[in-house]
Structures are given as structure tokens and as C-alpha cells.
């Protein structure tokens, strides 16, 4: 299903319009009853801002629950709000509409995660989605195309150590907005760092001794995680979750799976399960789910799901799929 041009649901739009009134001219500022107003462009950035800001901030997410952040389009109210809030936390190159909104509205305080995540250090499987047979290449010339963010893998937050580095940057910018609570923001960033360090160690311990190290995924979103824990990601497609793998790519991945005694094909939330399930069925393999944490569903959020909890679910899926001791 094509999820391009995803429109914000009416209820979410209404909520954002209402929230925008709290930060418009004449409304409460950083020292007001509602605290510092923060706008995050998608879930992992929202989580960081909430953990660092604590009780002093009100954080809203531009991307509605269950939506793919890559496809976000801004309503006029959302675009206006970018220029009204105290701080915007986003990742340039991931959401073109947000990039355009920030350029147009020029908010006074901005944190661009792309500038601090060392994105070039871990690239996704460069062959994912590419064709290796001449005729099929002509038939499916778009199979190897990457998403709007080009050749840089944006999914840095799937490595907890990289996400931790963002916490201090957010704390510094919140302190510039609200100097009165600078110590609290520094403490929030420090606690976030400790929590993510603990999570990082859980992954390192859990994946230290496994029968396999090849992680076959429906699309190449997990390169940073794989790089951090000495795994090998093999994506059926490249960064674009909507891309369809070519027959040549499916044959290639099937060969890799056989050569490496892969037992599990990992699908993911927000992406159709059909291709992963078909490949697993053809090879007699199991399927499991990994969550790229780009957007949690309303149901999961209502259940109290959060970044560390979902990451631990990913760890459980990996340790079972890779047959770790």
C-alpha cells in the first residue's frame, strides 16, 4: 500500500491547533504554567525531549501514532506552530515537509539530530534492493532507489549509544530557552544517558553468544544496531520501507540465508508482512517482528510502551531468532 502524502487525522490536527494556542504570542512562555513548549518531529526524538525536560516541558509529536514519519505532510496549523514553540527537535533529511517548515518558519531554538548522530559512520546494506541481473534491472528500474534521505541511513536511534548522545544537546538547548532549570535539564540528560547505557549493555550481553549473526530484515533499517553488536544486516529492500524487492534480490537473500543457516526472517511494524512471510515460507524459516520505533501505535502508547521497552522486545526477538545463549 502506498503511504505517500499521509494526511494528519482530524483529531490529531485539532489537538495540535489547540496546543498551538498555548505558545502563540501572549500565551505562556518558558516560565508559564504549561512550561517549555517542545515540538518533536517523530517518536524517538519525542522520547529524548521528554526524558531530558521532565516536568518542565510539554512535548508534542508532529507525526501521529502508527504513521510512517517518512511520509508526513504538515497541516497549515502544524507549519505555523513550528515557528511558535520554544524548541523544535527534528532530523534533517528524514522528513522533507518538516525541513521545509523549519526553513520557512525559522524557529529560534532548534536541535537537528542529524548533526550529532554521526550518521555517516554506519551505512545500511548498500546492495539491498539492487538488481544483479540485466533484464530484471530494466523491468524494475526503481528497485534500488533509496528514500528521500538519500544514501545516509537515518535510523541512528536503534543504537542506544547514539541516542544517548542527543540527550546532552537537547539539555543544552532547553537550558538556553529556560536557564532557570538548567541544572534539571543536565540531570535529565545524565539519567537518560545512564538508562541508555544500561540498555546498551543488555544488548551487548544478550547478543554476545549466538548461533547466528545474519539478520534478514524486510527493509534495511537496522544497520546501526547491527554495527553496534557485531551482526550482519541483510535487507530485502533498502531504506525505503515501501520499496518492493526484485526477484533477483529475493534469490540473492535466499542464498545468503541458506549459506548462513538463518532460521528467522524479521518483518517489522508499519510495513507489509507479505514479502517477509513469503520468503520465510519458501525457505521453511520462522518469522518474527522488529520495531524500528519510528512511530508507536495509539494502542501501544496507551499500554505504556516506550523506547526502552520496545527496544527490549526487539532484543528478545533477536536473541530467539539468532539462537543466542
Protein backbone atom coordinates (compact mmCIF):
# COMPACT_ATOMS: atom_id res chain seq x y z
CA UNK A 1 0.00 0.00 0.00
CA UNK A 2 1.33 3.41 -0.93
CA UNK A 3 1.55 5.61 2.17
CA UNK A 4 2.76 8.70 0.34
CA UNK A 5 1.07 12.01 1.15
CA UNK A 6 -0.23 10.80 4.51
CA UNK A 7 -2.65 13.38 5.89
CA UNK A 8 -2.85 14.07 9.61
CA UNK A 9 -6.10 12.72 11.08
CA UNK A 10 -8.66 15.34 12.03
CA UNK A 11 -8.43 14.67 15.75
CA UNK A 12 -4.66 14.98 15.75
CA UNK A 13 -4.91 18.22 13.79
CA UNK A 14 -7.41 19.60 16.26
CA UNK A 15 -5.20 18.69 19.18
CA UNK A 16 -2.23 20.41 17.61
CA UNK A 17 -4.26 23.52 16.84
CA UNK A 18 -5.41 23.67 20.44
CA UNK A 19 -1.90 23.16 21.71
CA UNK A 20 -0.60 25.86 19.41
CA UNK A 21 -2.67 28.39 21.31
CA UNK A 22 -0.59 27.80 24.41
CA UNK A 23 2.56 29.03 22.71
CA UNK A 24 1.25 31.78 20.46
CA UNK A 25 2.13 35.40 21.15
CA UNK A 26 0.72 36.43 24.51
CA UNK A 27 0.50 32.83 25.79
CA UNK A 28 2.65 31.18 28.45
CA UNK A 29 6.36 31.17 27.63
CA UNK A 30 9.16 29.07 29.16
CA UNK A 31 8.13 30.14 32.66
CA UNK A 32 4.38 29.81 32.04
CA UNK A 33 2.02 27.27 33.57
CA UNK A 34 2.47 24.90 30.64
CA UNK A 35 6.25 25.01 30.80
CA UNK A 36 8.59 24.97 27.81
CA UNK A 37 6.81 24.01 24.59
CA UNK A 38 8.74 21.45 22.54
CA UNK A 39 7.81 20.04 19.14
CA UNK A 40 9.47 16.74 18.14
CA UNK A 41 9.21 15.52 14.56
CA UNK A 42 8.87 11.79 15.38
CA UNK A 43 8.77 9.40 18.33
CA UNK A 44 12.41 8.70 19.38
CA UNK A 45 13.10 12.45 19.42
CA UNK A 46 9.95 12.99 21.47
CA UNK A 47 11.19 10.40 23.97
CA UNK A 48 14.54 12.15 24.38
CA UNK A 49 12.92 15.56 24.88
CA UNK A 50 10.51 14.17 27.47
CA UNK A 51 13.23 12.39 29.42
CA UNK A 52 15.55 15.38 29.45
CA UNK A 53 12.89 18.04 30.06
CA UNK A 54 10.82 16.18 32.63
CA UNK A 55 8.15 18.23 34.36
CA UNK A 56 9.35 21.48 32.85
CA UNK A 57 8.41 20.70 29.27
CA UNK A 58 5.32 19.96 27.20
CA UNK A 59 6.36 17.81 24.25
CA UNK A 60 4.18 17.21 21.20
CA UNK A 61 4.90 14.98 18.22
CA UNK A 62 4.36 16.13 14.63
CA UNK A 63 3.96 12.52 13.46
CA UNK A 64 0.69 10.93 14.61
CA UNK A 65 0.65 7.43 16.17
CA UNK A 66 1.07 4.48 13.78
CA UNK A 67 2.14 6.76 10.92
CA UNK A 68 5.35 6.42 8.95
CA UNK A 69 7.33 9.61 9.66
CA UNK A 70 8.96 9.48 6.21
CA UNK A 71 5.62 10.35 4.61
CA UNK A 72 4.48 13.14 6.94
CA UNK A 73 2.87 16.19 5.41
CA UNK A 74 2.19 19.22 7.60
CA UNK A 75 -1.17 20.88 8.01
CA UNK A 76 -1.14 24.70 7.95
CA UNK A 77 -1.61 24.69 11.74
CA UNK A 78 1.41 22.42 12.22
CA UNK A 79 3.53 24.56 9.94
CA UNK A 80 2.61 27.68 11.91
CA UNK A 81 3.33 26.00 15.18
CA UNK A 82 6.92 25.26 14.17
CA UNK A 83 7.52 29.00 14.47
CA UNK A 84 5.64 29.37 17.74
CA UNK A 85 7.06 26.74 20.08
CA UNK A 86 10.10 27.27 22.30
CA UNK A 87 12.12 24.38 20.81
CA UNK A 88 11.90 22.11 17.76
CA UNK A 89 13.74 18.77 17.75
CA UNK A 90 13.93 17.18 14.31
CA UNK A 91 16.24 15.24 11.98
CA UNK A 92 17.07 16.92 8.71
CA UNK A 93 16.86 14.78 5.59
CA UNK A 94 14.29 12.38 7.01
CA UNK A 95 11.04 14.35 6.67
CA UNK A 96 11.11 16.84 3.79
CA UNK A 97 7.93 18.58 4.94
CA UNK A 98 9.48 19.29 8.34
CA UNK A 99 12.69 20.55 6.74
CA UNK A 100 10.64 22.93 4.62
CA UNK A 101 8.57 24.06 7.61
CA UNK A 102 11.66 24.88 9.64
CA UNK A 103 13.23 26.76 6.76
CA UNK A 104 10.03 28.78 6.27
CA UNK A 105 9.28 29.48 9.95
CA UNK A 106 12.88 29.82 11.24
CA UNK A 107 12.23 28.87 14.90
CA UNK A 108 14.61 30.49 17.40
CA UNK A 109 15.70 27.24 19.06
CA UNK A 110 16.25 24.07 17.03
CA UNK A 111 18.06 20.78 17.60
CA UNK A 112 18.86 18.87 14.42
CA UNK A 113 19.63 15.26 15.43
CA UNK A 114 21.39 14.65 12.11
CA UNK A 115 24.16 16.97 13.21
CA UNK A 116 25.01 14.92 16.30
CA UNK A 117 24.26 11.29 15.39
CA UNK A 118 27.35 10.55 13.26
CA UNK A 119 25.11 9.25 10.51
CA UNK A 120 27.90 8.55 8.04
CA UNK A 121 29.59 6.07 10.36
CA UNK A 122 27.17 3.20 9.80
CA UNK A 123 25.63 2.66 6.40
CA UNK A 124 22.89 0.20 5.59
CA UNK A 125 23.46 -2.83 3.34
CA UNK A 126 24.47 -0.99 0.20
CA UNK A 127 23.17 -3.74 -2.08
CA UNK A 128 19.71 -4.01 -0.54
CA UNK A 129 17.10 -3.59 -3.22
CA UNK A 130 19.61 -3.52 -6.07
CA UNK A 131 19.30 -5.65 -9.13
CA UNK A 132 22.02 -8.01 -10.23
CA UNK A 133 20.51 -9.29 -13.47
CA UNK A 134 20.39 -7.14 -16.58
CA UNK A 135 16.92 -7.91 -17.89
CA UNK A 136 15.27 -7.71 -14.49
CA UNK A 137 17.05 -4.44 -13.87
CA UNK A 138 15.29 -2.99 -16.91
CA UNK A 139 11.95 -4.37 -15.70
CA UNK A 140 12.28 -2.91 -12.21
CA UNK A 141 14.45 0.15 -12.58
CA UNK A 142 13.28 1.61 -9.28
CA UNK A 143 14.16 -1.40 -7.13
CA UNK A 144 17.43 0.12 -5.95
CA UNK A 145 16.19 3.63 -5.33
CA UNK A 146 16.59 4.96 -1.84
CA UNK A 147 14.23 7.13 0.17
CA UNK A 148 14.22 10.90 0.22
CA UNK A 149 17.10 10.98 2.69
CA UNK A 150 19.42 9.57 0.01
CA UNK A 151 22.43 7.42 0.78
CA UNK A 152 22.57 8.19 4.50
CA UNK A 153 20.82 5.75 6.83
CA UNK A 154 18.74 7.87 9.25
CA UNK A 155 17.85 5.17 11.81
CA UNK A 156 20.56 6.07 14.34
CA UNK A 157 18.20 5.76 17.32
CA UNK A 158 18.27 1.94 17.03
CA UNK A 159 21.74 2.15 18.58
CA UNK A 160 21.09 3.29 22.19
CA UNK A 161 24.58 4.79 22.49
CA UNK A 162 23.88 7.16 19.60
CA UNK A 163 20.53 8.22 21.02
CA UNK A 164 22.20 8.97 24.37
CA UNK A 165 24.49 11.48 22.69
CA UNK A 166 21.45 13.50 21.64
CA UNK A 167 20.31 13.96 25.24
CA UNK A 168 23.02 16.44 26.18
CA UNK A 169 22.39 18.51 23.05
CA UNK A 170 18.70 18.78 23.92
CA UNK A 171 19.60 19.68 27.52
CA UNK A 172 21.88 22.49 26.34
CA UNK A 173 19.19 23.97 24.09
CA UNK A 174 16.50 23.69 26.77
CA UNK A 175 18.85 25.49 29.13
CA UNK A 176 19.21 28.31 26.60
CA UNK A 177 15.41 28.60 26.46
CA UNK A 178 14.88 28.19 30.20
CA UNK A 179 18.08 28.96 32.18
CA UNK A 180 16.26 28.74 35.49
CA UNK A 181 16.01 24.95 35.16
CA UNK A 182 19.37 24.28 33.51
CA UNK A 183 20.50 22.01 36.33
CA UNK A 184 17.37 19.90 35.99
CA UNK A 185 17.91 19.53 32.26
CA UNK A 186 21.50 18.48 32.81
CA UNK A 187 20.33 15.92 35.37
CA UNK A 188 17.68 14.64 32.95
CA UNK A 189 20.27 14.16 30.23
CA UNK A 190 22.59 12.38 32.64
CA UNK A 191 19.85 9.99 33.76
CA UNK A 192 18.86 9.32 30.15
CA UNK A 193 22.50 8.54 29.42
CA UNK A 194 22.68 6.06 32.29
CA UNK A 195 19.42 4.37 31.26
CA UNK A 196 20.54 4.01 27.66
CA UNK A 197 23.97 2.77 28.74
CA UNK A 198 22.22 0.04 30.73
CA UNK A 199 20.08 -0.83 27.70
CA UNK A 200 23.18 -0.89 25.51
CA UNK A 201 24.84 -3.34 27.89
CA UNK A 202 21.76 -5.57 27.87
CA UNK A 203 22.00 -5.79 24.08
CA UNK A 204 25.74 -6.45 24.20
CA UNK A 205 25.29 -9.24 26.76
CA UNK A 206 22.24 -10.74 25.10
CA UNK A 207 23.82 -10.87 21.64
CA UNK A 208 27.32 -11.85 22.71
CA UNK A 209 26.97 -15.59 22.09
CA UNK A 210 24.60 -16.54 19.31
CA UNK A 211 24.44 -19.40 16.83
CA UNK A 212 23.95 -16.89 14.01
CA UNK A 213 24.81 -13.29 13.28
CA UNK A 214 22.94 -12.68 9.99
CA UNK A 215 19.77 -10.64 10.46
CA UNK A 216 17.46 -10.80 7.42
CA UNK A 217 15.05 -7.85 7.60
CA UNK A 218 12.20 -6.68 5.41
CA UNK A 219 13.97 -3.37 4.85
CA UNK A 220 17.38 -2.04 5.80
CA UNK A 221 16.53 -0.06 8.93
CA UNK A 222 18.76 -1.83 11.42
CA UNK A 223 22.30 -1.14 10.24
CA UNK A 224 23.30 0.91 13.30
CA UNK A 225 22.01 -1.77 15.65
CA UNK A 226 23.79 -4.47 13.66
CA UNK A 227 27.03 -2.50 13.56
CA UNK A 228 26.93 -1.85 17.31
CA UNK A 229 26.51 -5.52 18.23
CA UNK A 230 28.62 -7.20 15.52
CA UNK A 231 25.70 -8.50 13.49
CA UNK A 232 25.24 -8.55 9.71
CA UNK A 233 22.05 -6.98 8.38
CA UNK A 234 20.67 -8.23 5.07
CA UNK A 235 17.70 -6.14 3.94
CA UNK A 236 15.21 -7.33 1.36
CA UNK A 237 14.98 -3.69 0.29
CA UNK A 238 16.99 -0.58 1.01
CA UNK A 239 15.98 2.28 3.32
CA UNK A 240 12.58 2.83 1.70
CA UNK A 241 10.01 0.68 3.55
CA UNK A 242 7.65 0.92 0.57
CA UNK A 243 10.09 -0.50 -1.98
CA UNK A 244 9.39 -3.96 -3.37
CA UNK A 245 12.34 -6.34 -3.69
CA UNK A 246 13.03 -7.63 -7.17
CA UNK A 247 13.05 -11.36 -7.96
CA UNK A 248 16.84 -11.15 -8.29
CA UNK A 249 17.14 -9.63 -4.81
CA UNK A 250 14.88 -12.29 -3.31
CA UNK A 251 17.03 -15.03 -4.84
CA UNK A 252 20.16 -13.34 -3.54
CA UNK A 253 18.82 -13.07 0.01
CA UNK A 254 17.59 -16.66 -0.11
CA UNK A 255 21.11 -17.76 -0.98
CA UNK A 256 22.59 -15.70 1.86
CA UNK A 257 20.06 -17.20 4.27
CA UNK A 258 20.96 -20.75 3.26
CA UNK A 259 24.70 -20.13 3.41
CA UNK A 260 24.46 -18.65 6.90
CA UNK A 261 21.94 -21.10 8.38
CA UNK A 262 19.44 -18.31 9.01
CA UNK A 263 16.42 -19.51 10.98
CA UNK A 264 14.26 -16.35 11.04
CA UNK A 265 13.16 -13.62 8.66
CA UNK A 266 12.36 -10.40 10.50
CA UNK A 267 9.46 -8.28 9.36
CA UNK A 268 8.64 -5.01 11.07
CA UNK A 269 5.84 -2.77 12.23
CA UNK A 270 4.43 -0.20 9.77
CA UNK A 271 5.47 -2.42 6.83
CA UNK A 272 3.55 -5.15 5.00
CA UNK A 273 4.42 -8.65 6.21
CA UNK A 274 3.71 -10.29 2.87
CA UNK A 275 7.19 -10.37 1.32
CA UNK A 276 8.96 -11.47 4.51
CA UNK A 277 6.37 -14.19 5.13
CA UNK A 278 6.60 -15.41 1.54
CA UNK A 279 10.39 -15.67 1.68
CA UNK A 280 10.26 -17.42 5.06
CA UNK A 281 7.64 -19.85 3.76
CA UNK A 282 9.69 -20.67 0.67
CA UNK A 283 12.75 -21.41 2.82
CA UNK A 284 10.96 -23.10 5.69
CA UNK A 285 12.02 -20.38 8.16
CA UNK A 286 10.31 -18.68 11.06
CA UNK A 287 9.19 -15.06 11.08
CA UNK A 288 9.49 -12.53 13.87
CA UNK A 289 8.88 -8.81 14.24
CA UNK A 290 11.32 -5.98 14.88
CA UNK A 291 10.09 -2.46 15.61
CA UNK A 292 12.12 0.41 14.08
CA UNK A 293 10.48 2.73 16.64
CA UNK A 294 9.69 5.40 14.08
CA UNK A 295 6.13 5.58 15.33
CA UNK A 296 4.23 3.69 18.02
CA UNK A 297 0.53 2.95 17.69
CA UNK A 298 -2.07 4.59 19.92
CA UNK A 299 -2.79 1.19 21.42
CA UNK A 300 0.84 0.65 22.35
CA UNK A 301 1.20 4.14 23.76
CA UNK A 302 -1.96 3.62 25.84
CA UNK A 303 -0.37 0.44 27.19
CA UNK A 304 2.62 2.46 28.35
CA UNK A 305 5.04 1.30 25.67
CA UNK A 306 8.16 3.44 25.37
CA UNK A 307 11.57 3.42 23.73
CA UNK A 308 13.44 1.16 26.19
CA UNK A 309 10.52 -1.25 26.48
CA UNK A 310 10.15 -1.70 22.73
CA UNK A 311 13.92 -1.98 22.30
CA UNK A 312 13.91 -4.82 24.84
CA UNK A 313 11.17 -6.51 22.81
CA UNK A 314 13.49 -6.22 19.80
CA UNK A 315 16.28 -7.78 21.85
CA UNK A 316 14.04 -10.70 22.80
CA UNK A 317 13.13 -11.24 19.14
CA UNK A 318 16.78 -11.14 18.10
CA UNK A 319 18.04 -13.49 20.79
CA UNK A 320 15.40 -16.03 19.87
CA UNK A 321 15.82 -15.62 16.11
CA UNK A 322 19.62 -15.81 16.29
CA UNK A 323 19.52 -18.63 18.85
CA UNK A 324 21.57 -16.80 21.46
CA UNK A 325 22.58 -18.43 24.72
